[in-house]
Amino acid sequence: MKPTSGSFQRWLEFLEQPYVNDVPIESLMDALRTKLMNLLLYYKPQSEESSRKLQKTSAAAALGATGLKFVRTLSAHLNLDELQTETLLRMALKDSSGCEFNNPLLVPQIAAFYYAERIALLKCVGALIRNTNDVSHDYADVMRPVLEDLLNQGLYNKLVTQMQEISNAPVPSRLTNVQDQAVWVNQNACEHAAYMENIFLLLYTEQPGTETVSAMDILKMVKEHCLASAEPKRKPKYSFITERDGIPALRQVA
């Protein structure tokens, strides 16, 4: 299955297949290299400049006034660049024509797709590491230069830094609904776990650049900033949500 432009879930499906016929793997890997370079910083925050740019595109005309208003609402809810929000909307719905933008279930539906995309992006990194180190994989030789290039651009340190940042991130003030807060906390925990998996994959396979932060340093960092703790006297982070709603992913990270 050839991945569609921008869909990390499709990219992940592609990377997890052992072999695909008639696929230009070299050009696809070049495209993926660019997408993975900044990890989750691939997604940009909401901005007035992006909003102005969106209004000048053909997509704005296709969406109409109601559709544009929905994109702005969704962009604010996710704190996501308006251009990327519009692209996300098209990917999630596949066809936004005739869409009922006033449907109250639409924002959580697209938000769930966005969160799945973020996790898939991080899992693409893990798949790339595993495939590169699997000598029997058909594409190992093609994927190896991509991983090496990402490592040369500081992949390991980016993983560590971004994991620290999400570990310290408070629940966004824009999320006033408790259910939205619980969804965000669950997503934060899942991203934390995905970062850790990639970091330890790089450490386990002894990739260059991993000497800057040792496995022991990572474990100390996780213990210091973990979202939930097995220690009975230690109060879990985000306990105001987790004690009431219960977040399975928090236990996974702990």
C-alpha atoms as a PDB file:
ATOM      1  CA  MET A   1       0.000   0.000   0.000  1.00  0.00           C
ATOM      2  CA  LYS A   2       1.534   3.294  -1.104  1.00  0.00           C
ATOM      3  CA  PRO A   3       1.175   5.998   1.572  1.00  0.00           C
ATOM      4  CA  THR A   4      -0.872   9.056   0.740  1.00  0.00           C
ATOM      5  CA  SER A   5       0.625  12.495   1.102  1.00  0.00           C
ATOM      6  CA  GLY A   6       0.740  13.554   4.718  1.00  0.00           C
ATOM      7  CA  SER A   7      -0.998  10.564   6.289  1.00  0.00           C
ATOM      8  CA  PHE A   8       1.374   9.075   8.841  1.00  0.00           C
ATOM      9  CA  GLN A   9      -1.018   6.219   9.538  1.00  0.00           C
ATOM     10  CA  ARG A  10      -0.683   5.134   5.913  1.00  0.00           C
ATOM     11  CA  TRP A  11       3.088   5.630   6.094  1.00  0.00           C
ATOM     12  CA  LEU A  12       3.167   3.356   9.125  1.00  0.00           C
ATOM     13  CA  GLU A  13       1.176   0.654   7.329  1.00  0.00           C
ATOM     14  CA  PHE A  14       3.661   0.862   4.486  1.00  0.00           C
ATOM     15  CA  LEU A  15       6.713   0.657   6.755  1.00  0.00           C
ATOM     16  CA  GLU A  16       5.344  -2.341   8.634  1.00  0.00           C
ATOM     17  CA  GLN A  17       4.908  -4.411   5.475  1.00  0.00           C
ATOM     18  CA  PRO A  18       7.810  -6.730   4.612  1.00  0.00           C
ATOM     19  CA  TYR A  19       7.619  -6.173   0.864  1.00  0.00           C
ATOM     20  CA  VAL A  20       5.573  -4.172  -1.650  1.00  0.00           C
ATOM     21  CA  ASN A  21       5.655  -4.614  -5.413  1.00  0.00           C
ATOM     22  CA  ASP A  22       6.161  -1.747  -7.850  1.00  0.00           C
ATOM     23  CA  VAL A  23       6.777   0.969  -5.260  1.00  0.00           C
ATOM     24  CA  PRO A  24       9.448   3.680  -5.793  1.00  0.00           C
ATOM     25  CA  ILE A  25      10.930   3.065  -2.365  1.00  0.00           C
ATOM     26  CA  GLU A  26      13.866   5.493  -2.759  1.00  0.00           C
ATOM     27  CA  SER A  27      11.668   8.509  -3.526  1.00  0.00           C
ATOM     28  CA  LEU A  28       9.237   7.547  -0.773  1.00  0.00           C
ATOM     29  CA  MET A  29      12.057   7.371   1.762  1.00  0.00           C
ATOM     30  CA  ASP A  30      13.254  10.829   0.710  1.00  0.00           C
ATOM     31  CA  ALA A  31       9.761  12.187   1.333  1.00  0.00           C
ATOM     32  CA  LEU A  32       9.545  10.437   4.691  1.00  0.00           C
ATOM     33  CA  ARG A  33      12.952  11.771   5.754  1.00  0.00           C
ATOM     34  CA  THR A  34      11.638  15.339   5.436  1.00  0.00           C
ATOM     35  CA  LYS A  35       8.462  14.558   7.370  1.00  0.00           C
ATOM     36  CA  LEU A  36      10.252  12.882  10.277  1.00  0.00           C
ATOM     37  CA  MET A  37      13.077  15.405  10.578  1.00  0.00           C
ATOM     38  CA  ASN A  38      11.463  17.512  13.327  1.00  0.00           C
ATOM     39  CA  LEU A  39       9.373  14.763  14.919  1.00  0.00           C
ATOM     40  CA  LEU A  40       6.193  16.239  16.439  1.00  0.00           C
ATOM     41  CA  LEU A  41       7.413  19.778  15.711  1.00  0.00           C
ATOM     42  CA  TYR A  42       6.294  18.885  12.182  1.00  0.00           C
ATOM     43  CA  TYR A  43       2.952  20.202  13.452  1.00  0.00           C
ATOM     44  CA  LYS A  44       2.927  23.986  13.790  1.00  0.00           C
ATOM     45  CA  PRO A  45       0.828  26.018  16.233  1.00  0.00           C
ATOM     46  CA  GLN A  46      -2.120  28.170  15.236  1.00  0.00           C
ATOM     47  CA  SER A  47      -1.178  31.538  13.764  1.00  0.00           C
ATOM     48  CA  GLU A  48      -2.781  34.570  12.132  1.00  0.00           C
ATOM     49  CA  GLU A  49      -0.369  34.299   9.208  1.00  0.00           C
ATOM     50  CA  SER A  50      -1.512  30.766   8.456  1.00  0.00           C
ATOM     51  CA  SER A  51      -5.132  31.849   8.690  1.00  0.00           C
ATOM     52  CA  ARG A  52      -4.525  34.595   6.102  1.00  0.00           C
ATOM     53  CA  LYS A  53      -2.742  32.158   3.790  1.00  0.00           C
ATOM     54  CA  LEU A  54      -5.606  29.663   4.015  1.00  0.00           C
ATOM     55  CA  GLN A  55      -8.117  32.317   2.933  1.00  0.00           C
ATOM     56  CA  LYS A  56      -6.166  32.781  -0.320  1.00  0.00           C
ATOM     57  CA  THR A  57      -6.217  29.082  -1.286  1.00  0.00           C
ATOM     58  CA  SER A  58      -8.650  27.194  -3.478  1.00  0.00           C
ATOM     59  CA  ALA A  59      -9.474  25.073  -0.425  1.00  0.00           C
ATOM     60  CA  ALA A  60     -11.047  28.129   1.235  1.00  0.00           C
ATOM     61  CA  ALA A  61     -13.430  28.584  -1.678  1.00  0.00           C
ATOM     62  CA  ALA A  62     -14.346  24.907  -1.592  1.00  0.00           C
ATOM     63  CA  LEU A  63     -15.016  25.018   2.154  1.00  0.00           C
ATOM     64  CA  GLY A  64     -17.190  28.106   2.062  1.00  0.00           C
ATOM     65  CA  ALA A  65     -17.826  30.418   5.001  1.00  0.00           C
ATOM     66  CA  THR A  66     -19.199  27.674   7.262  1.00  0.00           C
ATOM     67  CA  GLY A  67     -16.329  25.322   6.476  1.00  0.00           C
ATOM     68  CA  LEU A  68     -13.720  28.030   7.089  1.00  0.00           C
ATOM     69  CA  LYS A  69     -15.320  28.862  10.416  1.00  0.00           C
ATOM     70  CA  PHE A  70     -15.141  25.182  11.367  1.00  0.00           C
ATOM     71  CA  VAL A  71     -11.455  24.994  10.384  1.00  0.00           C
ATOM     72  CA  ARG A  72     -10.739  27.981  12.660  1.00  0.00           C
ATOM     73  CA  THR A  73     -12.657  26.333  15.500  1.00  0.00           C
ATOM     74  CA  LEU A  74     -10.789  23.063  15.004  1.00  0.00           C
ATOM     75  CA  SER A  75      -7.468  24.890  14.688  1.00  0.00           C
ATOM     76  CA  ALA A  76      -8.079  26.649  18.011  1.00  0.00           C
ATOM     77  CA  HIS A  77      -9.145  23.395  19.689  1.00  0.00           C
ATOM     78  CA  LEU A  78      -5.983  21.599  18.562  1.00  0.00           C
ATOM     79  CA  ASN A  79      -3.694  24.668  18.554  1.00  0.00           C
ATOM     80  CA  LEU A  80      -2.740  23.608  15.052  1.00  0.00           C
ATOM     81  CA  ASP A  81      -1.690  25.678  12.043  1.00  0.00           C
ATOM     82  CA  GLU A  82      -4.795  26.481   9.938  1.00  0.00           C
ATOM     83  CA  LEU A  83      -3.267  25.177   6.706  1.00  0.00           C
ATOM     84  CA  GLN A  84      -2.363  21.910   8.400  1.00  0.00           C
ATOM     85  CA  THR A  85      -5.830  21.820   9.985  1.00  0.00           C
ATOM     86  CA  GLU A  86      -7.475  22.061   6.575  1.00  0.00           C
ATOM     87  CA  THR A  87      -5.231  19.273   5.250  1.00  0.00           C
ATOM     88  CA  LEU A  88      -6.038  17.184   8.317  1.00  0.00           C
ATOM     89  CA  LEU A  89      -9.752  17.705   7.742  1.00  0.00           C
ATOM     90  CA  ARG A  90      -9.504  16.485   4.160  1.00  0.00           C
ATOM     91  CA  MET A  91      -7.483  13.419   5.168  1.00  0.00           C
ATOM     92  CA  ALA A  92      -9.831  12.506   8.002  1.00  0.00           C
ATOM     93  CA  LEU A  93     -13.031  12.890   5.978  1.00  0.00           C
ATOM     94  CA  LYS A  94     -11.534  11.951   2.582  1.00  0.00           C
ATOM     95  CA  ASP A  95     -14.209  14.196   1.079  1.00  0.00           C
ATOM     96  CA  SER A  96     -15.418  17.276   2.950  1.00  0.00           C
ATOM     97  CA  SER A  97     -18.036  18.187   0.333  1.00  0.00           C
ATOM     98  CA  GLY A  98     -21.502  17.971   1.836  1.00  0.00           C
ATOM     99  CA  CYS A  99     -20.021  17.769   5.320  1.00  0.00           C
ATOM    100  CA  GLU A 100     -22.230  18.974   8.185  1.00  0.00           C
ATOM    101  CA  PHE A 101     -19.796  21.367   9.852  1.00  0.00           C
ATOM    102  CA  ASN A 102     -22.311  22.147  12.615  1.00  0.00           C
ATOM    103  CA  ASN A 103     -22.257  18.526  13.796  1.00  0.00           C
ATOM    104  CA  PRO A 104     -21.007  18.664  17.427  1.00  0.00           C
ATOM    105  CA  LEU A 105     -19.333  15.257  17.010  1.00  0.00           C
ATOM    106  CA  LEU A 106     -17.114  16.466  14.176  1.00  0.00           C
ATOM    107  CA  VAL A 107     -14.481  18.230  16.311  1.00  0.00           C
ATOM    108  CA  PRO A 108     -13.782  15.182  18.530  1.00  0.00           C
ATOM    109  CA  GLN A 109     -13.785  12.964  15.419  1.00  0.00           C
ATOM    110  CA  ILE A 110     -11.117  15.023  13.652  1.00  0.00           C
ATOM    111  CA  ALA A 111      -9.212  15.500  16.906  1.00  0.00           C
ATOM    112  CA  ALA A 112      -9.036  11.713  17.328  1.00  0.00           C
ATOM    113  CA  PHE A 113      -7.640  11.411  13.797  1.00  0.00           C
ATOM    114  CA  TYR A 114      -5.058  14.120  14.533  1.00  0.00           C
ATOM    115  CA  TYR A 115      -3.938  12.413  17.726  1.00  0.00           C
ATOM    116  CA  ALA A 116      -3.636   9.103  15.854  1.00  0.00           C
ATOM    117  CA  GLU A 117      -1.499  10.856  13.237  1.00  0.00           C
ATOM    118  CA  ARG A 118       0.872  12.164  15.912  1.00  0.00           C
ATOM    119  CA  ILE A 119       1.346   8.696  17.383  1.00  0.00           C
ATOM    120  CA  ALA A 120       1.793   7.205  13.899  1.00  0.00           C
ATOM    121  CA  LEU A 121       4.527   9.763  13.153  1.00  0.00           C
ATOM    122  CA  LEU A 122       6.493   8.618  16.205  1.00  0.00           C
ATOM    123  CA  LYS A 123       5.847   4.973  15.395  1.00  0.00           C
ATOM    124  CA  CYS A 124       7.207   5.559  11.868  1.00  0.00           C
ATOM    125  CA  VAL A 125      10.521   6.447  13.522  1.00  0.00           C
ATOM    126  CA  GLY A 126      10.433   3.174  15.449  1.00  0.00           C
ATOM    127  CA  ALA A 127       9.580   1.180  12.328  1.00  0.00           C
ATOM    128  CA  LEU A 128      12.457   2.840  10.488  1.00  0.00           C
ATOM    129  CA  ILE A 129      14.898   1.903  13.275  1.00  0.00           C
ATOM    130  CA  ARG A 130      13.690  -1.709  13.399  1.00  0.00           C
ATOM    131  CA  ASN A 131      13.688  -2.176   9.626  1.00  0.00           C
ATOM    132  CA  THR A 132      17.149  -0.682   9.285  1.00  0.00           C
ATOM    133  CA  ASN A 133      18.538  -3.123  11.845  1.00  0.00           C
ATOM    134  CA  ASP A 134      16.774  -6.133  10.340  1.00  0.00           C
ATOM    135  CA  VAL A 135      19.287  -7.533   7.831  1.00  0.00           C
ATOM    136  CA  SER A 136      16.584  -9.724   6.302  1.00  0.00           C
ATOM    137  CA  HIS A 137      14.271  -6.787   5.538  1.00  0.00           C
ATOM    138  CA  ASP A 138      13.918  -6.121   1.815  1.00  0.00           C
ATOM    139  CA  TYR A 139      14.282  -2.377   2.248  1.00  0.00           C
ATOM    140  CA  ALA A 140      16.935  -2.272   4.987  1.00  0.00           C
ATOM    141  CA  ASP A 141      19.639  -0.942   2.653  1.00  0.00           C
ATOM    142  CA  VAL A 142      17.360   1.797   1.347  1.00  0.00           C
ATOM    143  CA  MET A 143      16.117   2.823   4.795  1.00  0.00           C
ATOM    144  CA  ARG A 144      19.536   2.837   6.460  1.00  0.00           C
ATOM    145  CA  PRO A 145      20.747   6.099   4.825  1.00  0.00           C
ATOM    146  CA  VAL A 146      17.511   7.779   5.903  1.00  0.00           C
ATOM    147  CA  LEU A 147      18.051   6.791   9.529  1.00  0.00           C
ATOM    148  CA  GLU A 148      21.716   7.776   9.352  1.00  0.00           C
ATOM    149  CA  ASP A 149      20.772  11.198   8.000  1.00  0.00           C
ATOM    150  CA  LEU A 150      18.208  11.711  10.767  1.00  0.00           C
ATOM    151  CA  LEU A 151      20.791  10.680  13.370  1.00  0.00           C
ATOM    152  CA  ASN A 152      23.318  13.111  11.888  1.00  0.00           C
ATOM    153  CA  GLN A 153      20.707  15.849  12.278  1.00  0.00           C
ATOM    154  CA  GLY A 154      20.349  15.096  15.988  1.00  0.00           C
ATOM    155  CA  LEU A 155      17.433  12.641  16.034  1.00  0.00           C
ATOM    156  CA  TYR A 156      18.389  11.172  19.413  1.00  0.00           C
ATOM    157  CA  ASN A 157      18.713  14.508  21.188  1.00  0.00           C
ATOM    158  CA  LYS A 158      15.454  15.713  19.595  1.00  0.00           C
ATOM    159  CA  LEU A 159      13.670  12.641  20.962  1.00  0.00           C
ATOM    160  CA  VAL A 160      15.060  13.245  24.443  1.00  0.00           C
ATOM    161  CA  THR A 161      14.323  16.989  24.411  1.00  0.00           C
ATOM    162  CA  GLN A 162      10.786  16.623  23.088  1.00  0.00           C
ATOM    163  CA  MET A 163      10.030  13.841  25.585  1.00  0.00           C
ATOM    164  CA  GLN A 164      11.133  16.163  28.392  1.00  0.00           C
ATOM    165  CA  GLU A 165       8.953  18.944  27.019  1.00  0.00           C
ATOM    166  CA  ILE A 166       5.777  16.866  26.889  1.00  0.00           C
ATOM    167  CA  SER A 167       6.577  15.443  30.334  1.00  0.00           C
ATOM    168  CA  ASN A 168       6.521  18.973  31.750  1.00  0.00           C
ATOM    169  CA  ALA A 169       3.596  20.230  29.688  1.00  0.00           C
ATOM    170  CA  PRO A 170       0.515  21.372  31.647  1.00  0.00           C
ATOM    171  CA  VAL A 171      -2.989  20.641  30.429  1.00  0.00           C
ATOM    172  CA  PRO A 172      -3.702  23.426  27.892  1.00  0.00           C
ATOM    173  CA  SER A 173      -5.896  26.194  29.302  1.00  0.00           C
ATOM    174  CA  ARG A 174      -7.910  26.203  26.071  1.00  0.00           C
ATOM    175  CA  LEU A 175      -9.373  22.814  27.098  1.00  0.00           C
ATOM    176  CA  THR A 176     -12.036  23.690  29.665  1.00  0.00           C
ATOM    177  CA  ASN A 177     -14.122  20.538  29.282  1.00  0.00           C
ATOM    178  CA  VAL A 178     -13.018  17.715  31.616  1.00  0.00           C
ATOM    179  CA  GLN A 179     -13.480  15.093  28.902  1.00  0.00           C
ATOM    180  CA  ASP A 180     -11.278  17.065  26.500  1.00  0.00           C
ATOM    181  CA  GLN A 181      -8.685  17.375  29.247  1.00  0.00           C
ATOM    182  CA  ALA A 182      -8.779  13.619  29.863  1.00  0.00           C
ATOM    183  CA  VAL A 183      -8.320  12.932  26.147  1.00  0.00           C
ATOM    184  CA  TRP A 184      -5.327  15.294  26.054  1.00  0.00           C
ATOM    185  CA  VAL A 185      -3.733  13.633  29.104  1.00  0.00           C
ATOM    186  CA  ASN A 186      -4.185  10.196  27.550  1.00  0.00           C
ATOM    187  CA  GLN A 187      -2.601  11.445  24.318  1.00  0.00           C
ATOM    188  CA  ASN A 188       0.282  13.025  26.226  1.00  0.00           C
ATOM    189  CA  ALA A 189       0.950   9.695  27.963  1.00  0.00           C
ATOM    190  CA  CYS A 190       0.829   7.746  24.689  1.00  0.00           C
ATOM    191  CA  GLU A 191       3.270  10.173  23.068  1.00  0.00           C
ATOM    192  CA  HIS A 192       5.542   9.869  26.103  1.00  0.00           C
ATOM    193  CA  ALA A 193       5.547   6.075  25.694  1.00  0.00           C
ATOM    194  CA  ALA A 194       6.276   6.351  21.952  1.00  0.00           C
ATOM    195  CA  TYR A 195       9.213   8.690  22.593  1.00  0.00           C
ATOM    196  CA  MET A 196      10.616   6.295  25.174  1.00  0.00           C
ATOM    197  CA  GLU A 197      10.292   3.334  22.822  1.00  0.00           C
ATOM    198  CA  ASN A 198      12.240   5.146  20.096  1.00  0.00           C
ATOM    199  CA  ILE A 199      14.912   6.315  22.523  1.00  0.00           C
ATOM    200  CA  PHE A 200      15.512   2.820  23.864  1.00  0.00           C
ATOM    201  CA  LEU A 201      15.472   1.326  20.354  1.00  0.00           C
ATOM    202  CA  LEU A 202      18.319   3.676  19.435  1.00  0.00           C
ATOM    203  CA  LEU A 203      20.166   2.863  22.653  1.00  0.00           C
ATOM    204  CA  TYR A 204      19.662  -0.890  22.228  1.00  0.00           C
ATOM    205  CA  THR A 205      20.965  -0.830  18.656  1.00  0.00           C
ATOM    206  CA  GLU A 206      23.884   1.393  19.752  1.00  0.00           C
ATOM    207  CA  GLN A 207      23.280   4.104  17.173  1.00  0.00           C
ATOM    208  CA  PRO A 208      25.742   7.011  16.884  1.00  0.00           C
ATOM    209  CA  GLY A 209      24.809  10.054  18.940  1.00  0.00           C
ATOM    210  CA  THR A 210      23.223   8.127  21.788  1.00  0.00           C
ATOM    211  CA  GLU A 211      26.296   8.610  23.978  1.00  0.00           C
ATOM    212  CA  THR A 212      25.110  12.149  24.817  1.00  0.00           C
ATOM    213  CA  VAL A 213      22.395  10.875  27.183  1.00  0.00           C
ATOM    214  CA  SER A 214      22.789   7.411  28.720  1.00  0.00           C
ATOM    215  CA  ALA A 215      20.092   4.847  29.431  1.00  0.00           C
ATOM    216  CA  MET A 216      20.483   5.537  33.152  1.00  0.00           C
ATOM    217  CA  ASP A 217      19.952   9.246  32.534  1.00  0.00           C
ATOM    218  CA  ILE A 218      16.772   8.450  30.602  1.00  0.00           C
ATOM    219  CA  LEU A 219      15.481   6.213  33.398  1.00  0.00           C
ATOM    220  CA  LYS A 220      16.162   8.934  35.969  1.00  0.00           C
ATOM    221  CA  MET A 221      14.386  11.432  33.752  1.00  0.00           C
ATOM    222  CA  VAL A 222      11.356   9.157  33.403  1.00  0.00           C
ATOM    223  CA  LYS A 223      11.219   8.578  37.152  1.00  0.00           C
ATOM    224  CA  GLU A 224      11.430  12.310  37.825  1.00  0.00           C
ATOM    225  CA  HIS A 225       8.832  13.347  35.277  1.00  0.00           C
ATOM    226  CA  CYS A 226       6.625  10.271  34.941  1.00  0.00           C
ATOM    227  CA  LEU A 227       2.915  10.945  34.625  1.00  0.00           C
ATOM    228  CA  ALA A 228       1.931   8.275  37.116  1.00  0.00           C
ATOM    229  CA  SER A 229       3.924   6.494  39.770  1.00  0.00           C
ATOM    230  CA  ALA A 230       3.850   3.121  41.475  1.00  0.00           C
ATOM    231  CA  GLU A 231       5.198   4.757  44.647  1.00  0.00           C
ATOM    232  CA  PRO A 232       2.224   4.995  47.074  1.00  0.00           C
ATOM    233  CA  LYS A 233       3.312   8.312  48.620  1.00  0.00           C
ATOM    234  CA  ARG A 234       3.868  10.028  45.298  1.00  0.00           C
ATOM    235  CA  LYS A 235       0.935  11.888  43.784  1.00  0.00           C
ATOM    236  CA  PRO A 236       0.527  11.231  40.052  1.00  0.00           C
ATOM    237  CA  LYS A 237       0.689  14.122  37.646  1.00  0.00           C
ATOM    238  CA  TYR A 238      -2.749  15.171  36.348  1.00  0.00           C
ATOM    239  CA  SER A 239      -4.341  13.354  39.300  1.00  0.00           C
ATOM    240  CA  PHE A 240      -7.269  15.792  39.199  1.00  0.00           C
ATOM    241  CA  ILE A 241      -8.268  14.015  35.989  1.00  0.00           C
ATOM    242  CA  THR A 242      -6.950  10.500  36.441  1.00  0.00           C
ATOM    243  CA  GLU A 243      -8.488   9.877  39.847  1.00  0.00           C
ATOM    244  CA  ARG A 244     -11.917  10.535  38.424  1.00  0.00           C
ATOM    245  CA  ASP A 245     -11.692   9.277  34.858  1.00  0.00           C
ATOM    246  CA  GLY A 246      -8.930   6.673  34.897  1.00  0.00           C
ATOM    247  CA  ILE A 247      -6.423   6.882  32.042  1.00  0.00           C
ATOM    248  CA  PRO A 248      -5.052   3.475  30.924  1.00  0.00           C
ATOM    249  CA  ALA A 249      -2.109   5.052  29.078  1.00  0.00           C
ATOM    250  CA  LEU A 250      -0.839   6.613  32.283  1.00  0.00           C
ATOM    251  CA  ARG A 251      -0.406   3.160  33.795  1.00  0.00           C
ATOM    252  CA  GLN A 252       1.364   2.086  30.611  1.00  0.00           C
ATOM    253  CA  VAL A 253       3.949   4.864  30.993  1.00  0.00           C
ATOM    254  CA  ALA A 254       4.380   4.245  34.706  1.00  0.00           C
END
